[in-house]
Protein backbone atom coordinates (compact mmCIF):
# COMPACT_ATOMS: atom_id res chain seq x y z
CA MET A 1 0.00 0.00 0.00
CA GLU A 2 1.26 3.43 -0.96
CA THR A 3 0.66 6.57 1.11
CA ILE A 4 0.37 9.86 -0.76
CA THR A 5 -0.42 13.03 1.20
CA ASP A 6 -0.64 15.63 -1.61
CA TYR A 7 -3.78 15.84 -3.78
CA ALA A 8 -1.92 16.80 -6.96
CA ALA A 9 0.52 13.92 -6.51
CA LEU A 10 -2.36 11.52 -5.88
CA SER A 11 -4.27 12.68 -8.93
CA ASP A 12 -1.14 12.37 -11.07
CA ARG A 13 -0.40 8.89 -9.67
CA VAL A 14 -3.91 7.64 -10.48
CA ARG A 15 -3.73 9.21 -13.95
CA ARG A 16 -0.59 7.15 -14.68
CA LEU A 17 -2.06 3.76 -13.65
CA SER A 18 -2.91 1.25 -16.37
CA ARG A 19 -6.61 0.91 -17.19
CA PRO A 20 -9.07 -0.22 -16.04
CA VAL A 21 -8.06 0.57 -12.47
CA ILE A 22 -9.89 0.33 -9.15
CA VAL A 23 -8.74 2.87 -6.57
CA GLY A 24 -9.72 2.42 -2.93
CA VAL A 25 -10.21 5.29 -0.48
CA GLU A 26 -10.60 4.11 3.12
CA GLY A 27 -10.96 6.10 6.32
CA PHE A 28 -12.93 6.82 9.43
CA THR A 29 -16.39 8.37 9.36
CA GLY A 30 -16.04 12.09 8.68
CA SER A 31 -12.42 11.85 7.51
CA GLY A 32 -13.12 13.29 4.04
CA LYS A 33 -12.96 10.10 1.97
CA SER A 34 -16.22 10.84 0.10
CA SER A 35 -15.06 14.37 -0.70
CA LEU A 36 -11.69 13.07 -1.89
CA ALA A 37 -13.31 10.36 -4.03
CA ASP A 38 -15.76 12.84 -5.56
CA ALA A 39 -12.98 15.36 -6.30
CA LEU A 40 -10.82 12.70 -7.96
CA ALA A 41 -13.82 11.49 -9.97
CA LYS A 42 -14.51 15.00 -11.22
CA ASP A 43 -10.86 15.67 -12.10
CA LEU A 44 -10.20 12.27 -13.68
CA GLY A 45 -13.58 11.40 -15.20
CA ALA A 46 -13.87 8.39 -12.88
CA PHE A 47 -16.86 6.40 -11.64
CA VAL A 48 -17.36 6.44 -7.85
CA VAL A 49 -18.84 3.74 -5.63
CA HIS A 50 -19.71 4.89 -2.10
CA THR A 51 -20.14 1.82 0.10
CA ASP A 52 -22.60 3.77 2.30
CA ASP A 53 -25.03 3.54 -0.63
CA TYR A 54 -25.14 -0.24 -0.12
CA VAL A 55 -25.95 -0.43 3.59
CA THR A 56 -28.91 -2.74 4.11
CA GLY A 57 -31.26 -2.33 7.05
CA GLU A 58 -30.85 -0.21 10.12
CA ASP A 59 -29.80 -2.93 12.57
CA GLU A 60 -26.98 -1.11 14.30
CA SER A 61 -26.24 -4.16 16.45
CA LEU A 62 -24.47 -5.49 13.35
CA SER A 63 -21.02 -4.24 12.41
CA TYR A 64 -20.76 -1.97 9.38
CA PRO A 65 -19.28 -4.73 7.19
CA ASP A 66 -22.14 -7.04 8.16
CA ARG A 67 -24.68 -4.48 6.94
CA LEU A 68 -23.41 -4.11 3.35
CA ASP A 69 -24.96 -5.70 0.27
CA TYR A 70 -21.88 -7.29 -1.28
CA GLY A 71 -23.67 -8.67 -4.32
CA ARG A 72 -24.80 -5.19 -5.32
CA ILE A 73 -21.33 -3.72 -4.72
CA GLN A 74 -19.76 -6.43 -6.87
CA SER A 75 -22.34 -5.90 -9.61
CA VAL A 76 -21.91 -2.12 -9.67
CA VAL A 77 -18.11 -2.36 -9.77
CA ALA A 78 -18.27 -4.94 -12.59
CA GLY A 79 -20.59 -2.67 -14.57
CA ALA A 80 -18.34 0.31 -13.93
CA ILE A 81 -15.30 -1.58 -15.20
CA ALA A 82 -17.13 -2.12 -18.47
CA SER A 83 -17.89 1.58 -18.87
CA ALA A 84 -15.17 3.54 -17.04
CA ALA A 85 -11.39 3.47 -17.10
CA ILE A 86 -11.07 4.56 -13.45
CA ILE A 87 -13.31 3.30 -10.67
CA ILE A 88 -12.98 4.77 -7.18
CA VAL A 89 -14.48 2.78 -4.30
CA GLU A 90 -14.63 4.54 -0.95
CA GLY A 91 -15.86 3.58 2.46
CA VAL A 92 -15.32 2.65 6.06
CA CYS A 93 -13.76 -0.83 6.50
CA LEU A 94 -13.08 -0.76 2.77
CA ARG A 95 -10.54 -3.57 2.63
CA GLU A 96 -13.02 -5.90 4.34
CA ALA A 97 -15.86 -4.71 2.08
CA LEU A 98 -13.78 -5.31 -1.04
CA ARG A 99 -12.69 -8.74 0.20
CA ARG A 100 -16.28 -9.78 0.87
CA SER A 101 -17.35 -8.40 -2.52
CA GLY A 102 -14.65 -10.31 -4.36
CA VAL A 103 -13.21 -7.02 -5.65
CA SER A 104 -9.56 -5.95 -5.48
CA ALA A 105 -8.33 -2.39 -5.44
CA ASP A 106 -5.27 -1.67 -7.55
């Protein structure tokens, strides 16, 4: 995993990746991951998947990863790969969500 702390350097790094590419943005609630993903999508013409859009039910006794619809996430990412060169997936517990979805970030 690579850590980049400058937005311009990050944007340039993603621009140089071979296509199609899946970029993961993971962080705590309120850390700015959605804003970062949306800004990159706008600048790079990427497709964004926000894992919060795939939360099922309101049972807060379950952990966040246990509340996600992995089939839908996998389907949306697969469709995005067919139509977009850059796919950005962002969310809390992202590595676990990607693992359960059968998706790998590049």
